């Protein structure tokens, strides 16, 4: 196992969240909390800059 979890990104840590020591028991609450923590910044960034994303898409689709 890796001892330096603080150096890894959350997408690398998510598959190894099985802390019970058993391969058959998965702490789904911990996995789902990790998934929310991984996706929340992306969703917030999209919502914050949604107008810029949409204008760039519109510029790319217009034919001259």
C-alpha atoms as a PDB file:
ATOM      1  CA  UNK A   1       0.000   0.000   0.000  1.00  0.00           C
ATOM      2  CA  UNK A   2       0.964   3.590  -0.486  1.00  0.00           C
ATOM      3  CA  UNK A   3       1.741   5.481   2.713  1.00  0.00           C
ATOM      4  CA  UNK A   4       1.657   8.955   1.188  1.00  0.00           C
ATOM      5  CA  UNK A   5      -2.038   9.319   0.384  1.00  0.00           C
ATOM      6  CA  UNK A   6      -1.768  13.099   0.543  1.00  0.00           C
ATOM      7  CA  UNK A   7       0.414  13.005  -2.583  1.00  0.00           C
ATOM      8  CA  UNK A   8      -2.144  11.118  -4.701  1.00  0.00           C
ATOM      9  CA  UNK A   9      -5.115  12.589  -6.513  1.00  0.00           C
ATOM     10  CA  UNK A  10      -8.593  11.557  -5.408  1.00  0.00           C
ATOM     11  CA  UNK A  11      -9.189   9.637  -8.637  1.00  0.00           C
ATOM     12  CA  UNK A  12      -6.237   7.406  -7.784  1.00  0.00           C
ATOM     13  CA  UNK A  13      -7.365   6.959  -4.177  1.00  0.00           C
ATOM     14  CA  UNK A  14     -10.996   6.042  -4.985  1.00  0.00           C
ATOM     15  CA  UNK A  15     -10.312   2.435  -6.074  1.00  0.00           C
ATOM     16  CA  UNK A  16      -8.291   1.710  -2.925  1.00  0.00           C
ATOM     17  CA  UNK A  17     -10.865   2.977  -0.404  1.00  0.00           C
ATOM     18  CA  UNK A  18     -11.613  -0.552   0.733  1.00  0.00           C
ATOM     19  CA  UNK A  19     -10.308  -0.117   4.278  1.00  0.00           C
ATOM     20  CA  UNK A  20     -12.042  -3.145   5.775  1.00  0.00           C
ATOM     21  CA  UNK A  21      -9.353  -5.574   4.649  1.00  0.00           C
ATOM     22  CA  UNK A  22     -11.948  -7.776   3.006  1.00  0.00           C
ATOM     23  CA  UNK A  23     -12.491  -7.907  -0.716  1.00  0.00           C
ATOM     24  CA  UNK A  24     -16.205  -8.586  -0.226  1.00  0.00           C
ATOM     25  CA  UNK A  25     -17.123  -5.678   2.066  1.00  0.00           C
ATOM     26  CA  UNK A  26     -17.137  -2.268   0.424  1.00  0.00           C
ATOM     27  CA  UNK A  27     -17.889   0.900   2.360  1.00  0.00           C
ATOM     28  CA  UNK A  28     -20.182   2.475  -0.215  1.00  0.00           C
ATOM     29  CA  UNK A  29     -20.647   5.613   1.882  1.00  0.00           C
ATOM     30  CA  UNK A  30     -16.917   6.283   1.689  1.00  0.00           C
ATOM     31  CA  UNK A  31     -16.760   5.558  -2.043  1.00  0.00           C
ATOM     32  CA  UNK A  32     -19.737   7.808  -2.794  1.00  0.00           C
ATOM     33  CA  UNK A  33     -18.292  10.624  -0.662  1.00  0.00           C
ATOM     34  CA  UNK A  34     -15.071  10.323  -2.637  1.00  0.00           C
ATOM     35  CA  UNK A  35     -16.972  10.459  -5.928  1.00  0.00           C
ATOM     36  CA  UNK A  36     -18.764  13.622  -4.827  1.00  0.00           C
ATOM     37  CA  UNK A  37     -15.465  15.165  -3.741  1.00  0.00           C
ATOM     38  CA  UNK A  38     -13.962  14.303  -7.131  1.00  0.00           C
ATOM     39  CA  UNK A  39     -16.808  15.653  -9.275  1.00  0.00           C
ATOM     40  CA  UNK A  40     -17.950  18.668  -7.269  1.00  0.00           C
ATOM     41  CA  UNK A  41     -15.100  21.026  -8.310  1.00  0.00           C
ATOM     42  CA  UNK A  42     -15.694  20.192 -11.980  1.00  0.00           C
ATOM     43  CA  UNK A  43     -19.418  20.871 -11.707  1.00  0.00           C
ATOM     44  CA  UNK A  44     -18.836  24.129  -9.824  1.00  0.00           C
ATOM     45  CA  UNK A  45     -16.297  25.298 -12.405  1.00  0.00           C
ATOM     46  CA  UNK A  46     -18.735  24.537 -15.214  1.00  0.00           C
ATOM     47  CA  UNK A  47     -21.562  26.395 -13.495  1.00  0.00           C
ATOM     48  CA  UNK A  48     -19.306  29.372 -12.813  1.00  0.00           C
ATOM     49  CA  UNK A  49     -18.014  29.620 -16.396  1.00  0.00           C
ATOM     50  CA  UNK A  50     -21.033  28.213 -18.211  1.00  0.00           C
ATOM     51  CA  UNK A  51     -21.535  31.293 -20.378  1.00  0.00           C
ATOM     52  CA  UNK A  52     -17.927  31.147 -21.605  1.00  0.00           C
ATOM     53  CA  UNK A  53     -18.182  27.420 -22.372  1.00  0.00           C
ATOM     54  CA  UNK A  54     -21.380  27.899 -24.344  1.00  0.00           C
ATOM     55  CA  UNK A  55     -20.082  30.903 -26.277  1.00  0.00           C
ATOM     56  CA  UNK A  56     -16.959  28.954 -27.305  1.00  0.00           C
ATOM     57  CA  UNK A  57     -19.129  26.086 -28.522  1.00  0.00           C
ATOM     58  CA  UNK A  58     -21.341  28.491 -30.458  1.00  0.00           C
ATOM     59  CA  UNK A  59     -18.311  30.142 -32.090  1.00  0.00           C
ATOM     60  CA  UNK A  60     -16.997  26.771 -33.204  1.00  0.00           C
ATOM     61  CA  UNK A  61     -20.281  25.738 -34.848  1.00  0.00           C
ATOM     62  CA  UNK A  62     -20.898  28.869 -36.960  1.00  0.00           C
ATOM     63  CA  UNK A  63     -19.940  28.534 -40.611  1.00  0.00           C
ATOM     64  CA  UNK A  64     -18.730  31.567 -42.469  1.00  0.00           C
END
